[in-house]
Amino acid sequence: MSTIERVKCLIVGSGPAGYTAAIYAARANMNPVMYQGMQPGGQLTTTNEVENFPGYPEGITGPEMMMQLQAQAQRFGTDVRDGWVTKAELEGDVKKVWINETTEIHADTIIISTGATAMYLGLPSEQHYLSLGGGVSACAVCDGFFYRNQEVVIVGAGDSACEEAHYLSHLCKKVTMLVRSDKFRASKIMEERVRNTANIEILMNTSTEEVLGDGNVVTGIRVKDKTSGEVKDIPATGFFVAIGHKPNTDIFKGQLTMDETGYLITECKTSKTNVAGVFACGDVQDKDYRQAITAAGSGCIAALDAERYLASK
């Protein structure tokens, strides 16, 4: 027998978007309840150095920043809990959500900030250096700065891979781009941009075999030419994976409008989904920017939208 609890504002997922929504909702006397989800603090908890968030002149680590955001949300009365949503029924004035299949929550408003998960190749060596923070990244804008005047490798064939390669080309001595098939998935204009950049070398039909390193940091990438079968090592201090992100929205399929990848679609400049009283913020609805600061801004928008929605009832 599951217990039923009634709340004014339920926030699903943590991270900069969820915590910012919580801060604003708590200060508006909405008594928000937050479930942190599978990865409390979100993607930033896997980021060692955050140097581009305003207000931290010395930089801050991702986990430390999330702890501070959580403390700030709790200071104003947010009820932060462990657990994740296993089922949701969003139609009607009262939204029903089940947590870990045991607790049933009835919410007047829901803010979804479940984020997205960067996709990786899944090589043991890649995961090893990713966990150490020793040279594997899924965000050039976040981490490119650490590789100034160095040589890096990026894998991917879509628009965002081209964008990240071009971004890195301004910082790094050389960028080697690995494309697994014989053509780009990116738009022509993005493909032309990387092809016309002098310090980007593009290797087509090339797969990543292994991330090489000394145990602590990356020293190179072992690649294979799929046409000739030739295997070679490319010296590099950084390895960027740009093969896409998967938004964490499976639980809402069939209820909320999403694009083909699963990103929630919100009404122009707002956090409103197609269901009244359900709002989305952060990477779960943003495939273009994906920064901590933009996620935080959208969390503020979601809380204000939710507050206005409650006021209009």
Protein backbone atom coordinates (compact mmCIF):
# COMPACT_ATOMS: atom_id res chain seq x y z
CA MET A 1 0.00 0.00 0.00
CA SER A 2 1.66 3.23 -1.10
CA THR A 3 1.35 6.41 0.96
CA ILE A 4 -0.12 9.50 -0.70
CA GLU A 5 1.30 12.97 -0.08
CA ARG A 6 -0.05 16.25 -1.43
CA VAL A 7 2.43 18.98 -2.44
CA LYS A 8 2.15 22.39 -4.09
CA CYS A 9 5.30 22.12 -6.16
CA LEU A 10 7.25 18.98 -7.01
CA ILE A 11 10.71 19.32 -8.57
CA VAL A 12 11.94 16.20 -10.36
CA GLY A 13 15.73 16.09 -10.67
CA SER A 14 18.54 18.19 -9.24
CA GLY A 15 21.36 20.14 -10.87
CA PRO A 16 21.64 23.89 -11.51
CA ALA A 17 18.14 24.06 -13.06
CA GLY A 18 16.36 22.09 -10.33
CA TYR A 19 18.12 23.83 -7.45
CA THR A 20 17.54 27.31 -8.89
CA ALA A 21 13.86 26.47 -9.41
CA ALA A 22 13.79 25.27 -5.79
CA ILE A 23 15.34 28.50 -4.48
CA TYR A 24 12.75 30.65 -6.29
CA ALA A 25 9.81 28.35 -5.48
CA ALA A 26 10.76 28.17 -1.79
CA ARG A 27 11.04 31.95 -1.52
CA ALA A 28 7.57 32.23 -3.08
CA ASN A 29 6.11 30.03 -0.30
CA MET A 30 5.44 27.13 -2.67
CA ASN A 31 7.04 24.67 -0.21
CA PRO A 32 8.81 22.72 -2.97
CA VAL A 33 9.66 19.05 -2.58
CA MET A 34 12.62 17.91 -4.69
CA TYR A 35 13.58 14.37 -5.61
CA GLN A 36 17.23 14.36 -6.63
CA GLY A 37 17.08 11.47 -9.08
CA MET A 38 19.66 8.90 -10.13
CA GLN A 39 22.54 11.40 -10.18
CA PRO A 40 22.11 13.92 -7.35
CA GLY A 41 23.52 17.24 -8.57
CA GLY A 42 23.37 16.16 -12.21
CA GLN A 43 26.11 16.22 -14.83
CA LEU A 44 28.12 18.88 -12.99
CA THR A 45 29.02 16.37 -10.30
CA THR A 46 31.29 14.71 -12.90
CA THR A 47 33.01 18.04 -13.70
CA ASN A 48 36.19 18.82 -11.81
CA GLU A 49 36.60 22.52 -12.51
CA VAL A 50 33.83 25.00 -13.25
CA GLU A 51 35.52 28.25 -14.25
CA ASN A 52 32.83 29.92 -16.37
CA PHE A 53 30.04 30.38 -13.80
CA PRO A 54 29.75 34.09 -12.86
CA GLY A 55 30.63 34.93 -9.29
CA TYR A 56 33.42 32.37 -8.80
CA PRO A 57 36.59 34.25 -9.77
CA GLU A 58 38.79 31.39 -8.56
CA GLY A 59 36.59 28.69 -10.11
CA ILE A 60 34.87 25.91 -8.17
CA THR A 61 34.51 22.16 -8.50
CA GLY A 62 31.22 20.82 -9.85
CA PRO A 63 30.38 18.76 -6.73
CA GLU A 64 31.17 21.70 -4.41
CA MET A 65 28.97 24.02 -6.43
CA MET A 66 26.07 21.57 -6.28
CA MET A 67 26.46 21.23 -2.50
CA GLN A 68 26.27 25.02 -2.19
CA LEU A 69 23.18 25.20 -4.42
CA GLN A 70 21.52 22.46 -2.41
CA ALA A 71 22.31 24.23 0.88
CA GLN A 72 20.87 27.48 -0.52
CA ALA A 73 17.65 25.72 -1.63
CA GLN A 74 17.32 24.05 1.79
CA ARG A 75 17.96 27.32 3.61
CA PHE A 76 14.68 28.65 2.20
CA GLY A 77 12.80 25.47 3.08
CA THR A 78 13.09 23.15 0.07
CA ASP A 79 12.51 19.54 1.11
CA VAL A 80 15.35 17.74 -0.73
CA ARG A 81 14.93 13.96 -0.88
CA ASP A 82 16.63 10.91 -2.32
CA GLY A 83 14.68 8.93 -4.87
CA TRP A 84 13.53 9.03 -8.46
CA VAL A 85 10.26 9.01 -10.36
CA THR A 86 9.22 5.57 -11.61
CA LYS A 87 5.80 6.52 -13.01
CA ALA A 88 3.82 9.68 -13.76
CA GLU A 89 0.24 10.61 -14.65
CA LEU A 90 0.28 14.27 -15.60
CA GLU A 91 -3.22 15.00 -16.93
CA GLY A 92 -5.74 16.85 -14.78
CA ASP A 93 -5.39 19.47 -12.07
CA VAL A 94 -3.61 17.09 -9.72
CA LYS A 95 -0.45 15.49 -11.13
CA LYS A 96 0.28 12.01 -9.83
CA VAL A 97 3.85 10.80 -9.53
CA TRP A 98 5.24 7.62 -8.00
CA ILE A 99 8.66 7.64 -6.32
CA ASN A 100 10.63 4.38 -6.29
CA GLU A 101 7.27 2.64 -6.84
CA THR A 102 6.37 3.16 -3.17
CA THR A 103 5.45 6.79 -2.46
CA GLU A 104 2.61 8.46 -4.38
CA ILE A 105 2.83 12.24 -4.67
CA HIS A 106 -0.11 14.41 -5.75
CA ALA A 107 1.26 17.75 -6.97
CA ASP A 108 -0.41 20.99 -8.07
CA THR A 109 2.63 21.82 -10.20
CA ILE A 110 5.62 19.83 -11.43
CA ILE A 111 8.97 21.21 -12.54
CA ILE A 112 10.95 18.69 -14.57
CA SER A 113 14.73 19.15 -14.42
CA THR A 114 15.86 15.58 -15.08
CA GLY A 115 18.66 16.71 -17.39
CA ALA A 116 20.37 14.82 -20.15
CA THR A 117 23.12 12.21 -20.16
CA ALA A 118 26.15 12.63 -22.40
CA MET A 119 26.73 9.59 -24.57
CA TYR A 120 30.19 8.05 -24.54
CA LEU A 121 31.82 5.36 -26.65
CA GLY A 122 31.94 3.02 -23.65
CA LEU A 123 35.61 2.00 -23.98
CA PRO A 124 37.13 0.98 -20.61
CA SER A 125 40.11 3.31 -21.23
CA GLU A 126 37.74 6.21 -22.02
CA GLN A 127 35.76 5.62 -18.83
CA HIS A 128 39.00 5.33 -16.80
CA TYR A 129 40.27 8.79 -17.82
CA LEU A 130 36.77 10.27 -17.66
CA SER A 131 36.43 9.21 -14.02
CA LEU A 132 39.85 10.67 -13.20
CA GLY A 133 39.11 13.96 -14.95
CA GLY A 134 42.32 13.25 -16.81
CA GLY A 135 41.57 14.33 -20.35
CA VAL A 136 38.20 12.93 -21.49
CA SER A 137 35.29 15.36 -21.84
CA ALA A 138 31.88 15.66 -23.48
CA CYS A 139 31.87 19.47 -23.41
CA ALA A 140 34.37 21.58 -25.36
CA VAL A 141 32.88 24.85 -24.11
CA CYS A 142 33.33 23.66 -20.49
CA ASP A 143 36.78 22.14 -20.77
CA GLY A 144 38.49 23.39 -23.95
CA PHE A 145 40.27 26.15 -22.03
CA PHE A 146 42.38 23.54 -20.17
CA TYR A 147 43.89 22.39 -23.50
CA ARG A 148 45.12 25.72 -24.82
CA ASN A 149 47.99 25.30 -27.31
CA GLN A 150 47.77 21.52 -27.03
CA GLU A 151 46.70 18.82 -29.48
CA VAL A 152 43.28 17.22 -29.01
CA VAL A 153 41.05 14.64 -30.68
CA ILE A 154 37.28 14.91 -31.06
CA VAL A 155 34.89 12.16 -32.16
CA GLY A 156 31.52 12.90 -33.75
CA ALA A 157 29.89 13.75 -37.07
CA GLY A 158 26.90 15.97 -36.26
CA ASP A 159 26.38 19.72 -35.99
CA SER A 160 27.41 19.87 -32.34
CA ALA A 161 30.60 17.90 -33.07
CA CYS A 162 31.48 20.38 -35.82
CA GLU A 163 30.66 23.30 -33.55
CA GLU A 164 32.83 21.91 -30.75
CA ALA A 165 35.71 21.12 -33.15
CA HIS A 166 35.56 24.68 -34.48
CA TYR A 167 35.46 26.06 -30.94
CA LEU A 168 38.51 23.97 -29.98
CA SER A 169 40.38 25.11 -33.11
CA HIS A 170 40.58 28.64 -31.64
CA LEU A 171 42.20 27.33 -28.45
CA CYS A 172 44.23 24.28 -29.45
CA LYS A 173 47.30 23.88 -31.64
CA LYS A 174 45.68 21.03 -33.56
CA VAL A 175 42.28 19.30 -33.57
CA THR A 176 41.90 15.85 -35.10
CA MET A 177 38.28 15.01 -35.88
CA LEU A 178 37.26 11.34 -36.10
CA VAL A 179 34.20 10.54 -38.24
CA ARG A 180 33.14 6.91 -38.04
CA SER A 181 31.41 6.69 -41.43
CA ASP A 182 32.20 8.09 -44.88
CA LYS A 183 30.01 11.17 -44.43
CA PHE A 184 29.10 13.86 -41.91
CA ARG A 185 25.65 13.96 -40.31
CA ALA A 186 26.08 17.70 -39.87
CA SER A 187 24.52 20.36 -42.05
CA LYS A 188 26.58 21.35 -45.12
CA ILE A 189 27.42 24.76 -43.68
CA MET A 190 28.86 23.21 -40.47
CA GLU A 191 30.82 20.60 -42.43
CA GLU A 192 32.28 23.32 -44.67
CA ARG A 193 33.29 25.32 -41.60
CA VAL A 194 35.44 22.50 -40.15
CA ARG A 195 36.84 21.53 -43.56
CA ASN A 196 37.96 25.12 -44.09
CA THR A 197 39.68 25.44 -40.71
CA ALA A 198 43.44 25.05 -41.16
CA ASN A 199 44.25 23.33 -37.85
CA ILE A 200 41.41 20.76 -37.98
CA GLU A 201 42.38 17.45 -39.55
CA ILE A 202 39.42 15.23 -40.44
CA LEU A 203 39.79 11.43 -40.55
CA MET A 204 36.78 9.78 -42.22
CA ASN A 205 35.88 6.07 -41.78
CA THR A 206 37.88 6.06 -38.56
CA SER A 207 36.95 4.34 -35.31
CA THR A 208 38.38 4.92 -31.84
CA GLU A 209 40.10 1.78 -30.54
CA GLU A 210 41.56 3.01 -27.25
CA VAL A 211 42.33 6.10 -25.19
CA LEU A 212 46.04 5.98 -24.36
CA GLY A 213 47.61 7.47 -21.26
CA ASP A 214 50.04 7.07 -18.39
CA GLY A 215 47.34 5.95 -15.94
CA ASN A 216 46.54 9.49 -14.82
CA VAL A 217 46.28 11.66 -17.94
CA VAL A 218 45.60 11.10 -21.63
CA THR A 219 48.63 10.97 -23.95
CA GLY A 220 47.04 9.82 -27.20
CA ILE A 221 44.25 8.05 -29.07
CA ARG A 222 44.57 4.73 -30.92
CA VAL A 223 42.43 4.77 -34.07
CA LYS A 224 41.63 2.37 -36.86
CA ASP A 225 41.05 3.17 -40.52
CA LYS A 226 37.97 1.08 -41.28
CA THR A 227 38.78 0.95 -45.01
CA SER A 228 42.43 -0.14 -44.89
CA GLY A 229 42.40 -1.72 -41.43
CA GLU A 230 45.47 0.34 -40.47
CA VAL A 231 45.82 1.12 -36.75
CA LYS A 232 47.77 4.20 -35.62
CA ASP A 233 48.30 6.32 -32.51
CA ILE A 234 47.55 10.04 -32.52
CA PRO A 235 49.32 12.05 -29.80
CA ALA A 236 46.80 14.14 -27.83
CA THR A 237 46.28 15.45 -24.30
CA GLY A 238 42.50 15.73 -24.62
CA PHE A 239 39.75 13.51 -26.01
CA PHE A 240 36.35 15.10 -26.66
CA VAL A 241 33.30 12.92 -27.25
CA ALA A 242 30.58 14.69 -29.23
CA ILE A 243 28.27 11.86 -30.24
CA GLY A 244 25.19 13.35 -28.62
CA HIS A 245 23.19 13.55 -25.41
CA LYS A 246 20.14 11.60 -24.35
CA PRO A 247 17.57 13.61 -22.38
CA ASN A 248 16.20 11.74 -19.35
CA THR A 249 12.55 11.81 -20.42
CA ASP A 250 11.57 8.17 -21.06
CA ILE A 251 9.17 8.24 -18.11
CA PHE A 252 7.15 11.08 -19.72
CA LYS A 253 6.80 9.55 -23.21
CA GLY A 254 3.27 9.74 -24.58
CA GLN A 255 2.30 12.52 -22.13
CA LEU A 256 4.64 15.42 -22.90
CA THR A 257 5.55 16.73 -26.35
CA MET A 258 9.18 16.00 -27.24
CA ASP A 259 11.38 16.08 -30.30
CA GLU A 260 12.72 12.95 -32.03
CA THR A 261 15.64 12.71 -29.59
CA GLY A 262 13.41 13.05 -26.52
CA TYR A 263 14.03 16.71 -25.56
CA LEU A 264 10.90 18.26 -24.01
CA ILE A 265 9.42 21.03 -26.12
CA THR A 266 8.51 24.19 -24.21
CA GLU A 267 6.40 27.14 -25.36
CA CYS A 268 8.37 30.04 -26.82
CA LYS A 269 10.63 31.64 -24.16
CA THR A 270 8.76 29.93 -21.30
CA SER A 271 9.13 26.65 -19.41
CA LYS A 272 5.55 25.57 -20.18
CA THR A 273 5.05 22.08 -21.61
CA ASN A 274 1.93 20.93 -23.48
CA VAL A 275 0.36 19.96 -20.12
CA ALA A 276 -0.88 22.85 -17.94
CA GLY A 277 0.93 22.92 -14.59
CA VAL A 278 3.95 20.95 -15.86
CA PHE A 279 7.12 22.92 -16.53
CA ALA A 280 10.56 21.93 -17.83
CA CYS A 281 13.96 23.52 -17.34
CA GLY A 282 17.64 22.80 -17.87
CA ASP A 283 19.18 20.30 -20.27
CA VAL A 284 15.99 18.25 -20.47
CA GLN A 285 14.64 20.94 -22.82
CA ASP A 286 17.83 22.60 -24.06
CA LYS A 287 19.94 20.85 -26.69
CA ASP A 288 21.65 24.03 -27.90
CA TYR A 289 23.47 25.62 -24.97
CA ARG A 290 23.72 23.06 -22.15
CA GLN A 291 25.61 25.30 -19.71
CA ALA A 292 25.21 25.52 -15.93
CA ILE A 293 24.34 29.21 -16.16
CA THR A 294 21.66 28.76 -18.85
CA ALA A 295 20.21 25.82 -16.91
CA ALA A 296 20.05 27.96 -13.76
CA GLY A 297 18.33 30.76 -15.68
CA SER A 298 15.72 28.36 -17.03
CA GLY A 299 15.15 27.02 -13.50
CA CYS A 300 14.27 30.54 -12.39
CA ILE A 301 11.84 30.83 -15.34
CA ALA A 302 10.19 27.51 -14.45
CA ALA A 303 9.61 28.54 -10.81
CA LEU A 304 8.13 31.89 -11.87
CA ASP A 305 5.89 30.17 -14.43
CA ALA A 306 4.74 27.66 -11.79
CA GLU A 307 4.06 30.43 -9.28
CA ARG A 308 1.97 32.37 -11.82
CA TYR A 309 0.09 29.22 -12.76
CA LEU A 310 -0.83 28.60 -9.09
CA ALA A 311 -1.83 32.24 -8.63
CA SER A 312 -4.20 32.01 -11.60
CA LYS A 313 -6.02 28.95 -10.19
